[in-house]
Amino acid sequence: MTPVDYLVSDLHLDHDNIIEYCDRPFDSVTEMNETLVERWNAVVDPGDEVLYGGDLTIRSSAAALLDWLEELHGELVFLLGNHDGTVLEGLDRVRFAEEYRFEHRGVPFHAVHDPADGPSNHAGWLLHGHHHNNWPDEFPFVDHDTRRVNLSVELLDYRPLATDRLVDYLARGERFTDRAAAERTVGDDD
């Protein structure tokens, strides 16, 4: 299995209601789209493997999905989210899946879009998106009690997270509401 370099979920490009729904710090959809693409491409190189947790865009056309995929760096493992109505097989740089399992530095992960769809008996960590930043008590960034990680972009400072960095956070054994809280404990981001 290919190593996963970066993780992120729920960009919701072109989705104007998501700004208010998740209290995103953008004045317009255009500003949000540009910022999300810029921050993604600032950390992800074209050859990096990105596990994308679903809900890329609110637009359901294949053309819209292709347009955004062309903008973003990296080779994607794309988990289908509840807003991903168009599934395109055989795209270069993209593999679509409903779930994905991998191991990084000895830590096992199982990734799904909605944590309700995850296995109940997984021995490792469940990676998910779907809940954004709307229920931080139930779905924080890192929750050691439930062994879940919420990869929604609002919790990641609107940029993909290096898998190495996530493993560093998990090694702390602490609950983190978002990436900023984790960074205050672990140290400067790479």
N, C-alpha and C. Protein backbone atom coordinates (compact mmCIF):
# COMPACT_ATOMS: atom_id res chain seq x y z
N MET A 1 0.84 -1.18 0.00
CA MET A 1 0.00 0.00 0.00
C MET A 1 0.89 1.24 0.00
N THR A 2 0.51 2.22 -0.77
CA THR A 2 1.27 3.46 -0.90
C THR A 2 1.24 4.25 0.41
N PRO A 3 2.37 4.82 0.83
CA PRO A 3 2.35 5.64 2.05
C PRO A 3 1.50 6.89 1.84
N VAL A 4 0.84 7.32 2.90
CA VAL A 4 0.01 8.52 2.86
C VAL A 4 0.82 9.65 3.49
N ASP A 5 1.06 10.71 2.72
CA ASP A 5 1.86 11.83 3.20
C ASP A 5 1.03 12.88 3.93
N TYR A 6 -0.20 13.13 3.42
CA TYR A 6 -1.05 14.20 3.96
C TYR A 6 -2.48 13.73 4.09
N LEU A 7 -3.21 14.41 5.01
CA LEU A 7 -4.59 14.08 5.32
C LEU A 7 -5.42 15.36 5.41
N VAL A 8 -6.65 15.31 4.90
CA VAL A 8 -7.56 16.45 5.02
C VAL A 8 -8.94 16.01 4.53
N SER A 9 -9.96 16.73 4.95
CA SER A 9 -11.32 16.41 4.52
C SER A 9 -12.18 17.67 4.44
N ASP A 10 -13.25 17.58 3.65
CA ASP A 10 -14.36 18.54 3.65
C ASP A 10 -13.98 19.96 3.25
N LEU A 11 -13.34 20.12 2.10
CA LEU A 11 -13.07 21.48 1.62
C LEU A 11 -14.36 22.20 1.22
N HIS A 12 -15.31 21.50 0.67
CA HIS A 12 -16.59 22.11 0.24
C HIS A 12 -16.36 23.33 -0.65
N LEU A 13 -15.52 23.17 -1.65
CA LEU A 13 -15.27 24.26 -2.60
C LEU A 13 -16.57 24.63 -3.29
N ASP A 14 -16.74 25.91 -3.58
CA ASP A 14 -17.93 26.47 -4.23
C ASP A 14 -19.18 26.47 -3.36
N HIS A 15 -19.08 26.13 -2.11
CA HIS A 15 -20.24 26.00 -1.22
C HIS A 15 -20.38 27.25 -0.35
N ASP A 16 -21.23 28.19 -0.77
CA ASP A 16 -21.33 29.44 -0.03
C ASP A 16 -21.92 29.27 1.38
N ASN A 17 -22.86 28.35 1.57
CA ASN A 17 -23.46 28.17 2.89
C ASN A 17 -22.50 27.62 3.93
N ILE A 18 -21.43 26.96 3.50
CA ILE A 18 -20.48 26.37 4.45
C ILE A 18 -19.75 27.46 5.24
N ILE A 19 -19.62 28.65 4.67
CA ILE A 19 -18.94 29.74 5.37
C ILE A 19 -19.66 30.08 6.66
N GLU A 20 -20.97 30.22 6.58
CA GLU A 20 -21.76 30.52 7.79
C GLU A 20 -21.95 29.28 8.65
N TYR A 21 -22.24 28.15 8.03
CA TYR A 21 -22.51 26.90 8.74
C TYR A 21 -21.36 26.51 9.66
N CYS A 22 -20.13 26.71 9.21
CA CYS A 22 -18.95 26.33 9.99
C CYS A 22 -18.17 27.53 10.50
N ASP A 23 -18.74 28.71 10.37
CA ASP A 23 -18.09 29.94 10.81
C ASP A 23 -16.67 30.05 10.24
N ARG A 24 -16.56 29.80 8.94
CA ARG A 24 -15.26 29.91 8.27
C ARG A 24 -14.88 31.39 8.13
N PRO A 25 -13.60 31.70 8.24
CA PRO A 25 -13.15 33.10 8.25
C PRO A 25 -12.98 33.71 6.86
N PHE A 26 -13.97 33.54 6.00
CA PHE A 26 -13.88 34.05 4.65
C PHE A 26 -15.08 34.95 4.36
N ASP A 27 -14.86 35.99 3.56
CA ASP A 27 -15.92 36.93 3.21
C ASP A 27 -16.70 36.51 1.97
N SER A 28 -16.15 35.57 1.20
CA SER A 28 -16.83 35.15 -0.02
C SER A 28 -16.38 33.74 -0.39
N VAL A 29 -17.15 33.10 -1.28
CA VAL A 29 -16.79 31.79 -1.78
C VAL A 29 -15.49 31.88 -2.58
N THR A 30 -15.32 32.94 -3.33
CA THR A 30 -14.09 33.10 -4.11
C THR A 30 -12.88 33.15 -3.20
N GLU A 31 -12.95 33.94 -2.13
CA GLU A 31 -11.83 34.02 -1.18
C GLU A 31 -11.57 32.66 -0.55
N MET A 32 -12.64 31.97 -0.16
CA MET A 32 -12.49 30.64 0.45
C MET A 32 -11.82 29.68 -0.52
N ASN A 33 -12.33 29.59 -1.75
CA ASN A 33 -11.77 28.68 -2.75
C ASN A 33 -10.29 28.96 -2.97
N GLU A 34 -9.95 30.23 -3.20
CA GLU A 34 -8.55 30.60 -3.46
C GLU A 34 -7.65 30.26 -2.28
N THR A 35 -8.11 30.55 -1.07
CA THR A 35 -7.30 30.29 0.12
C THR A 35 -7.09 28.80 0.32
N LEU A 36 -8.15 28.00 0.17
CA LEU A 36 -8.03 26.56 0.38
C LEU A 36 -7.08 25.93 -0.63
N VAL A 37 -7.18 26.31 -1.89
CA VAL A 37 -6.29 25.78 -2.92
C VAL A 37 -4.84 26.24 -2.66
N GLU A 38 -4.67 27.51 -2.33
CA GLU A 38 -3.33 28.04 -2.06
C GLU A 38 -2.69 27.33 -0.87
N ARG A 39 -3.43 27.14 0.22
CA ARG A 39 -2.87 26.48 1.40
C ARG A 39 -2.58 25.00 1.13
N TRP A 40 -3.43 24.35 0.37
CA TRP A 40 -3.19 22.95 -0.01
C TRP A 40 -1.88 22.86 -0.78
N ASN A 41 -1.76 23.66 -1.83
CA ASN A 41 -0.60 23.57 -2.71
C ASN A 41 0.68 24.08 -2.06
N ALA A 42 0.57 24.85 -1.00
CA ALA A 42 1.76 25.32 -0.28
C ALA A 42 2.43 24.19 0.50
N VAL A 43 1.67 23.15 0.88
CA VAL A 43 2.26 22.06 1.64
C VAL A 43 2.37 20.75 0.86
N VAL A 44 1.51 20.55 -0.12
CA VAL A 44 1.48 19.29 -0.87
C VAL A 44 2.22 19.48 -2.19
N ASP A 45 3.19 18.60 -2.46
CA ASP A 45 3.89 18.60 -3.74
C ASP A 45 3.15 17.67 -4.71
N PRO A 46 3.36 17.84 -6.02
CA PRO A 46 2.64 17.03 -7.01
C PRO A 46 2.76 15.52 -6.81
N GLY A 47 3.87 15.02 -6.32
CA GLY A 47 4.04 13.58 -6.13
C GLY A 47 3.61 13.05 -4.78
N ASP A 48 3.17 13.90 -3.87
CA ASP A 48 2.75 13.46 -2.54
C ASP A 48 1.43 12.72 -2.60
N GLU A 49 1.28 11.75 -1.70
CA GLU A 49 0.04 10.98 -1.57
C GLU A 49 -0.84 11.67 -0.53
N VAL A 50 -2.06 12.02 -0.92
CA VAL A 50 -3.00 12.70 -0.03
C VAL A 50 -4.23 11.82 0.17
N LEU A 51 -4.56 11.55 1.44
CA LEU A 51 -5.83 10.90 1.75
C LEU A 51 -6.84 12.02 1.94
N TYR A 52 -7.79 12.10 0.99
CA TYR A 52 -8.81 13.14 1.05
C TYR A 52 -10.11 12.51 1.54
N GLY A 53 -10.64 13.04 2.63
CA GLY A 53 -11.76 12.43 3.33
C GLY A 53 -13.15 12.73 2.81
N GLY A 54 -13.29 13.31 1.63
CA GLY A 54 -14.61 13.49 1.02
C GLY A 54 -15.13 14.90 1.07
N ASP A 55 -16.18 15.13 0.27
CA ASP A 55 -16.86 16.42 0.13
C ASP A 55 -15.93 17.51 -0.38
N LEU A 56 -15.47 17.31 -1.61
CA LEU A 56 -14.57 18.28 -2.23
C LEU A 56 -15.31 19.54 -2.68
N THR A 57 -16.45 19.35 -3.30
CA THR A 57 -17.18 20.50 -3.82
C THR A 57 -18.67 20.26 -3.65
N ILE A 58 -19.43 21.32 -3.62
CA ILE A 58 -20.88 21.20 -3.52
C ILE A 58 -21.49 20.96 -4.90
N ARG A 59 -20.77 21.34 -5.95
CA ARG A 59 -21.28 21.13 -7.31
C ARG A 59 -21.18 19.65 -7.66
N SER A 60 -22.21 19.13 -8.29
CA SER A 60 -22.25 17.69 -8.52
C SER A 60 -21.81 17.26 -9.91
N SER A 61 -21.39 18.20 -10.74
CA SER A 61 -21.01 17.80 -12.09
C SER A 61 -19.59 17.23 -12.13
N ALA A 62 -19.38 16.33 -13.07
CA ALA A 62 -18.06 15.75 -13.26
C ALA A 62 -17.06 16.84 -13.64
N ALA A 63 -17.48 17.81 -14.43
CA ALA A 63 -16.59 18.89 -14.85
C ALA A 63 -16.10 19.70 -13.66
N ALA A 64 -16.99 19.99 -12.72
CA ALA A 64 -16.60 20.76 -11.53
C ALA A 64 -15.57 19.99 -10.71
N LEU A 65 -15.81 18.70 -10.52
CA LEU A 65 -14.87 17.88 -9.77
C LEU A 65 -13.52 17.84 -10.47
N LEU A 66 -13.53 17.63 -11.77
CA LEU A 66 -12.28 17.60 -12.53
C LEU A 66 -11.53 18.93 -12.45
N ASP A 67 -12.26 20.03 -12.54
CA ASP A 67 -11.63 21.35 -12.45
C ASP A 67 -10.88 21.50 -11.13
N TRP A 68 -11.50 21.13 -10.03
CA TRP A 68 -10.84 21.28 -8.73
C TRP A 68 -9.69 20.30 -8.58
N LEU A 69 -9.86 19.09 -9.05
CA LEU A 69 -8.78 18.12 -8.94
C LEU A 69 -7.55 18.56 -9.73
N GLU A 70 -7.77 19.26 -10.83
CA GLU A 70 -6.65 19.80 -11.60
C GLU A 70 -5.91 20.90 -10.85
N GLU A 71 -6.59 21.61 -9.98
CA GLU A 71 -5.99 22.72 -9.23
C GLU A 71 -5.12 22.24 -8.07
N LEU A 72 -5.43 21.07 -7.52
CA LEU A 72 -4.79 20.60 -6.29
C LEU A 72 -3.61 19.68 -6.58
N HIS A 73 -2.49 19.91 -5.91
CA HIS A 73 -1.32 19.05 -6.04
C HIS A 73 -1.58 17.70 -5.37
N GLY A 74 -0.81 16.70 -5.79
CA GLY A 74 -0.81 15.42 -5.12
C GLY A 74 -1.55 14.32 -5.85
N GLU A 75 -1.23 13.11 -5.43
CA GLU A 75 -1.91 11.90 -5.87
C GLU A 75 -2.94 11.61 -4.78
N LEU A 76 -4.22 11.51 -5.13
CA LEU A 76 -5.27 11.42 -4.13
C LEU A 76 -5.87 10.03 -3.98
N VAL A 77 -6.05 9.64 -2.72
CA VAL A 77 -6.97 8.58 -2.35
C VAL A 77 -8.19 9.36 -1.87
N PHE A 78 -9.28 9.27 -2.60
CA PHE A 78 -10.46 10.11 -2.40
C PHE A 78 -11.57 9.28 -1.79
N LEU A 79 -11.87 9.52 -0.50
CA LEU A 79 -12.99 8.85 0.15
C LEU A 79 -14.26 9.58 -0.24
N LEU A 80 -15.25 8.84 -0.62
CA LEU A 80 -16.51 9.45 -1.06
C LEU A 80 -17.29 9.98 0.13
N GLY A 81 -17.64 11.27 0.05
CA GLY A 81 -18.43 11.90 1.10
C GLY A 81 -19.89 12.00 0.70
N ASN A 82 -20.70 12.52 1.57
CA ASN A 82 -22.13 12.62 1.31
C ASN A 82 -22.47 13.68 0.26
N HIS A 83 -21.53 14.55 -0.10
CA HIS A 83 -21.75 15.54 -1.16
C HIS A 83 -21.03 15.18 -2.46
N ASP A 84 -20.45 14.00 -2.51
CA ASP A 84 -19.70 13.58 -3.69
C ASP A 84 -20.56 12.67 -4.56
N GLY A 85 -21.48 13.26 -5.27
CA GLY A 85 -22.42 12.50 -6.08
C GLY A 85 -21.82 11.93 -7.34
N THR A 86 -20.72 12.47 -7.79
CA THR A 86 -20.11 12.02 -9.05
C THR A 86 -18.87 11.19 -8.74
N VAL A 87 -18.88 9.97 -9.17
CA VAL A 87 -17.72 9.11 -9.00
C VAL A 87 -17.09 8.90 -10.38
N LEU A 88 -15.84 9.24 -10.47
CA LEU A 88 -15.13 9.10 -11.74
C LEU A 88 -14.06 8.03 -11.60
N GLU A 89 -14.17 7.00 -12.38
CA GLU A 89 -13.19 5.92 -12.34
C GLU A 89 -12.04 6.22 -13.30
N GLY A 90 -10.87 5.79 -12.93
CA GLY A 90 -9.73 5.84 -13.83
C GLY A 90 -9.10 7.20 -14.03
N LEU A 91 -9.38 8.15 -13.17
CA LEU A 91 -8.71 9.44 -13.28
C LEU A 91 -7.25 9.28 -12.88
N ASP A 92 -6.35 9.92 -13.63
CA ASP A 92 -4.96 9.95 -13.21
C ASP A 92 -4.89 10.68 -11.87
N ARG A 93 -4.03 10.23 -11.01
CA ARG A 93 -3.77 10.83 -9.70
C ARG A 93 -4.87 10.62 -8.68
N VAL A 94 -5.95 9.92 -8.99
CA VAL A 94 -7.06 9.79 -8.04
C VAL A 94 -7.53 8.34 -7.97
N ARG A 95 -7.67 7.84 -6.75
CA ARG A 95 -8.30 6.55 -6.50
C ARG A 95 -9.50 6.81 -5.60
N PHE A 96 -10.69 6.39 -6.01
CA PHE A 96 -11.89 6.58 -5.21
C PHE A 96 -12.12 5.35 -4.33
N ALA A 97 -12.59 5.58 -3.10
CA ALA A 97 -12.86 4.48 -2.18
C ALA A 97 -13.91 4.92 -1.16
N GLU A 98 -14.59 3.96 -0.56
CA GLU A 98 -15.52 4.27 0.52
C GLU A 98 -14.81 4.22 1.87
N GLU A 99 -13.72 3.47 1.94
CA GLU A 99 -12.91 3.39 3.15
C GLU A 99 -11.47 3.08 2.74
N TYR A 100 -10.55 3.33 3.65
CA TYR A 100 -9.14 3.11 3.32
C TYR A 100 -8.40 2.76 4.61
N ARG A 101 -7.60 1.72 4.54
CA ARG A 101 -6.79 1.30 5.70
C ARG A 101 -5.32 1.45 5.33
N PHE A 102 -4.54 1.91 6.28
CA PHE A 102 -3.10 2.00 6.08
C PHE A 102 -2.43 2.07 7.44
N GLU A 103 -1.11 1.94 7.43
CA GLU A 103 -0.32 2.04 8.64
C GLU A 103 0.77 3.08 8.40
N HIS A 104 1.06 3.88 9.43
CA HIS A 104 2.11 4.88 9.32
C HIS A 104 2.93 4.87 10.60
N ARG A 105 4.22 4.61 10.47
CA ARG A 105 5.14 4.53 11.62
C ARG A 105 4.58 3.59 12.69
N GLY A 106 3.99 2.48 12.24
CA GLY A 106 3.49 1.46 13.15
C GLY A 106 2.11 1.73 13.72
N VAL A 107 1.49 2.83 13.34
CA VAL A 107 0.15 3.17 13.84
C VAL A 107 -0.87 2.80 12.76
N PRO A 108 -1.83 1.91 13.10
CA PRO A 108 -2.85 1.53 12.12
C PRO A 108 -3.99 2.56 12.05
N PHE A 109 -4.43 2.84 10.82
CA PHE A 109 -5.52 3.78 10.58
C PHE A 109 -6.58 3.14 9.69
N HIS A 110 -7.82 3.52 9.95
CA HIS A 110 -8.96 3.16 9.10
C HIS A 110 -9.68 4.47 8.82
N ALA A 111 -9.83 4.83 7.56
CA ALA A 111 -10.41 6.11 7.19
C ALA A 111 -11.75 5.93 6.49
N VAL A 112 -12.73 6.75 6.88
CA VAL A 112 -14.05 6.83 6.26
C VAL A 112 -14.47 8.29 6.28
N HIS A 113 -15.47 8.64 5.50
CA HIS A 113 -15.94 10.02 5.54
C HIS A 113 -16.71 10.30 6.83
N ASP A 114 -17.71 9.51 7.12
CA ASP A 114 -18.58 9.70 8.28
C ASP A 114 -18.19 8.66 9.33
N PRO A 115 -17.86 9.09 10.56
CA PRO A 115 -17.44 8.11 11.57
C PRO A 115 -18.50 7.06 11.88
N ALA A 116 -19.76 7.36 11.61
CA ALA A 116 -20.82 6.37 11.83
C ALA A 116 -20.64 5.16 10.91
N ASP A 117 -19.89 5.31 9.82
CA ASP A 117 -19.64 4.22 8.89
C ASP A 117 -18.37 3.43 9.21
N GLY A 118 -17.67 3.81 10.26
CA GLY A 118 -16.44 3.13 10.63
C GLY A 118 -16.70 1.83 11.36
N PRO A 119 -15.69 0.96 11.41
CA PRO A 119 -15.85 -0.32 12.11
C PRO A 119 -15.91 -0.10 13.62
N SER A 120 -16.66 -0.94 14.29
CA SER A 120 -16.78 -0.81 15.75
C SER A 120 -15.65 -1.50 16.49
N ASN A 121 -14.89 -2.35 15.80
CA ASN A 121 -13.86 -3.13 16.47
C ASN A 121 -12.45 -2.87 15.94
N HIS A 122 -12.22 -1.74 15.29
CA HIS A 122 -10.89 -1.45 14.74
C HIS A 122 -9.90 -1.21 15.87
N ALA A 123 -8.75 -1.84 15.79
CA ALA A 123 -7.75 -1.73 16.86
C ALA A 123 -6.93 -0.44 16.78
N GLY A 124 -6.97 0.25 15.65
CA GLY A 124 -6.18 1.46 15.48
C GLY A 124 -7.02 2.71 15.64
N TRP A 125 -6.70 3.69 14.80
CA TRP A 125 -7.36 5.00 14.84
C TRP A 125 -8.33 5.13 13.67
N LEU A 126 -9.50 5.70 13.95
CA LEU A 126 -10.48 5.99 12.91
C LEU A 126 -10.29 7.43 12.47
N LEU A 127 -10.01 7.62 11.18
CA LEU A 127 -9.89 8.95 10.59
C LEU A 127 -11.21 9.27 9.88
N HIS A 128 -11.70 10.49 10.06
CA HIS A 128 -12.97 10.86 9.44
C HIS A 128 -13.04 12.36 9.24
N GLY A 129 -14.07 12.77 8.53
CA GLY A 129 -14.43 14.17 8.37
C GLY A 129 -15.89 14.30 8.73
N HIS A 130 -16.67 14.90 7.85
CA HIS A 130 -18.13 14.98 7.91
C HIS A 130 -18.68 15.95 8.96
N HIS A 131 -18.16 15.96 10.16
CA HIS A 131 -18.74 16.76 11.24
C HIS A 131 -18.15 18.16 11.37
N HIS A 132 -17.16 18.47 10.55
CA HIS A 132 -16.56 19.81 10.55
C HIS A 132 -16.16 20.22 11.96
N ASN A 133 -16.44 21.46 12.31
CA ASN A 133 -16.10 21.99 13.64
C ASN A 133 -17.37 22.26 14.45
N ASN A 134 -18.47 21.63 14.08
CA ASN A 134 -19.76 21.96 14.67
C ASN A 134 -20.06 21.28 16.00
N TRP A 135 -19.45 20.18 16.30
CA TRP A 135 -19.67 19.47 17.56
C TRP A 135 -18.31 19.13 18.18
N PRO A 136 -17.59 20.15 18.66
CA PRO A 136 -16.21 19.90 19.13
C PRO A 136 -16.12 18.99 20.35
N ASP A 137 -17.16 18.94 21.18
CA ASP A 137 -17.10 18.03 22.32
C ASP A 137 -17.17 16.57 21.88
N GLU A 138 -18.00 16.29 20.89
CA GLU A 138 -18.15 14.92 20.41
C GLU A 138 -17.15 14.55 19.32
N PHE A 139 -16.79 15.53 18.48
CA PHE A 139 -15.90 15.26 17.35
C PHE A 139 -14.75 16.27 17.30
N PRO A 140 -13.84 16.22 18.30
CA PRO A 140 -12.67 17.11 18.25
C PRO A 140 -11.66 16.60 17.23
N PHE A 141 -10.60 17.33 17.06
CA PHE A 141 -9.52 16.93 16.15
C PHE A 141 -8.97 15.55 16.55
N VAL A 142 -8.51 15.41 17.79
CA VAL A 142 -8.00 14.13 18.30
C VAL A 142 -8.74 13.78 19.58
N ASP A 143 -9.32 12.58 19.60
CA ASP A 143 -10.03 12.09 20.78
C ASP A 143 -9.48 10.71 21.13
N HIS A 144 -8.65 10.67 22.17
CA HIS A 144 -8.03 9.40 22.57
C HIS A 144 -9.04 8.42 23.14
N ASP A 145 -10.10 8.90 23.77
CA ASP A 145 -11.09 7.99 24.35
C ASP A 145 -11.79 7.16 23.28
N THR A 146 -12.13 7.78 22.15
CA THR A 146 -12.82 7.07 21.07
C THR A 146 -11.86 6.60 19.99
N ARG A 147 -10.59 7.01 20.07
CA ARG A 147 -9.56 6.71 19.08
C ARG A 147 -9.98 7.19 17.68
N ARG A 148 -10.49 8.44 17.67
CA ARG A 148 -10.92 9.06 16.41
C ARG A 148 -10.13 10.34 16.17
N VAL A 149 -9.93 10.64 14.87
CA VAL A 149 -9.31 11.89 14.44
C VAL A 149 -10.24 12.53 13.40
N ASN A 150 -10.66 13.76 13.67
CA ASN A 150 -11.53 14.51 12.76
C ASN A 150 -10.64 15.35 11.85
N LEU A 151 -10.62 15.01 10.57
CA LEU A 151 -9.76 15.67 9.60
C LEU A 151 -10.45 16.80 8.84
N SER A 152 -11.59 17.27 9.34
CA SER A 152 -12.28 18.38 8.68
C SER A 152 -11.37 19.58 8.62
N VAL A 153 -11.34 20.24 7.48
CA VAL A 153 -10.39 21.31 7.20
C VAL A 153 -10.45 22.45 8.22
N GLU A 154 -11.60 22.70 8.81
CA GLU A 154 -11.72 23.77 9.81
C GLU A 154 -10.85 23.50 11.03
N LEU A 155 -10.63 22.22 11.35
CA LEU A 155 -9.82 21.85 12.51
C LEU A 155 -8.34 21.78 12.19
N LEU A 156 -7.99 21.90 10.90
CA LEU A 156 -6.60 21.77 10.46
C LEU A 156 -6.01 23.08 9.97
N ASP A 157 -6.57 24.20 10.38
CA ASP A 157 -6.11 25.51 9.94
C ASP A 157 -6.21 25.64 8.42
N TYR A 158 -7.22 24.98 7.85
CA TYR A 158 -7.53 25.11 6.42
C TYR A 158 -6.39 24.68 5.51
N ARG A 159 -5.67 23.62 5.92
CA ARG A 159 -4.59 23.08 5.09
C ARG A 159 -4.41 21.60 5.42
N PRO A 160 -3.90 20.80 4.48
CA PRO A 160 -3.64 19.38 4.77
C PRO A 160 -2.62 19.22 5.90
N LEU A 161 -2.76 18.12 6.60
CA LEU A 161 -1.89 17.79 7.73
C LEU A 161 -0.96 16.65 7.34
N ALA A 162 0.33 16.81 7.63
CA ALA A 162 1.29 15.73 7.37
C ALA A 162 0.98 14.55 8.28
N THR A 163 0.98 13.35 7.72
CA THR A 163 0.69 12.15 8.51
C THR A 163 1.73 11.97 9.60
N ASP A 164 2.98 12.30 9.33
CA ASP A 164 4.02 12.25 10.37
C ASP A 164 3.64 13.12 11.56
N ARG A 165 3.11 14.30 11.27
CA ARG A 165 2.75 15.23 12.33
C ARG A 165 1.58 14.68 13.15
N LEU A 166 0.62 14.07 12.47
CA LEU A 166 -0.50 13.47 13.20
C LEU A 166 0.00 12.40 14.16
N VAL A 167 0.90 11.55 13.72
CA VAL A 167 1.43 10.51 14.59
C VAL A 167 2.14 11.14 15.80
N ASP A 168 2.83 12.25 15.60
CA ASP A 168 3.43 12.97 16.73
C ASP A 168 2.36 13.42 17.73
N TYR A 169 1.26 13.96 17.23
CA TYR A 169 0.16 14.39 18.11
C TYR A 169 -0.41 13.21 18.88
N LEU A 170 -0.62 12.09 18.18
CA LEU A 170 -1.22 10.92 18.84
C LEU A 170 -0.31 10.38 19.93
N ALA A 171 1.00 10.47 19.74
CA ALA A 171 1.95 9.98 20.73
C ALA A 171 1.85 10.74 22.04
N ARG A 172 1.30 11.94 22.02
CA ARG A 172 1.16 12.73 23.24
C ARG A 172 0.08 12.17 24.17
N GLY A 173 -0.84 11.40 23.63
CA GLY A 173 -1.89 10.81 24.45
C GLY A 173 -2.91 11.81 24.96
N GLU A 174 -3.04 12.94 24.29
CA GLU A 174 -3.94 14.00 24.74
C GLU A 174 -5.08 14.22 23.75
N ARG A 175 -6.14 14.84 24.25
CA ARG A 175 -7.27 15.24 23.42
C ARG A 175 -6.99 16.66 22.94
N PHE A 176 -7.16 16.88 21.62
CA PHE A 176 -6.95 18.20 21.04
C PHE A 176 -8.20 18.63 20.30
N THR A 177 -8.65 19.84 20.53
CA THR A 177 -9.84 20.34 19.85
C THR A 177 -9.55 20.66 18.39
N ASP A 178 -8.33 21.13 18.10
CA ASP A 178 -7.95 21.47 16.74
C ASP A 178 -6.43 21.44 16.62
N ARG A 179 -5.94 21.67 15.41
CA ARG A 179 -4.50 21.61 15.13
C ARG A 179 -3.73 22.66 15.94
N ALA A 180 -4.30 23.83 16.12
CA ALA A 180 -3.62 24.88 16.88
C ALA A 180 -3.36 24.44 18.32
N ALA A 181 -4.34 23.77 18.93
CA ALA A 181 -4.17 23.28 20.30
C ALA A 181 -3.07 22.21 20.34
N ALA A 182 -3.02 21.35 19.34
CA ALA A 182 -1.99 20.34 19.27
C ALA A 182 -0.61 20.98 19.11
N GLU A 183 -0.53 21.99 18.26
CA GLU A 183 0.75 22.65 18.03
C GLU A 183 1.29 23.33 19.27
N ARG A 184 0.41 23.88 20.09
CA ARG A 184 0.86 24.53 21.33
C ARG A 184 1.53 23.51 22.27
N THR A 185 1.12 22.26 22.14
CA THR A 185 1.67 21.21 22.99
C THR A 185 2.89 20.53 22.38
N VAL A 186 2.82 20.25 21.09
CA VAL A 186 3.87 19.48 20.43
C VAL A 186 5.01 20.36 19.91
N GLY A 187 4.70 21.54 19.42
CA GLY A 187 5.75 22.42 18.92
C GLY A 187 5.40 22.98 17.56
N ASP A 188 6.33 23.68 16.97
CA ASP A 188 6.11 24.34 15.69
C ASP A 188 5.81 23.34 14.61
N ASP A 189 4.93 23.72 13.69
CA ASP A 189 4.57 22.89 12.55
C ASP A 189 5.71 22.89 11.54
N ASP A 190 5.79 21.79 10.80
CA ASP A 190 6.85 21.72 9.78
C ASP A 190 6.42 22.32 8.50
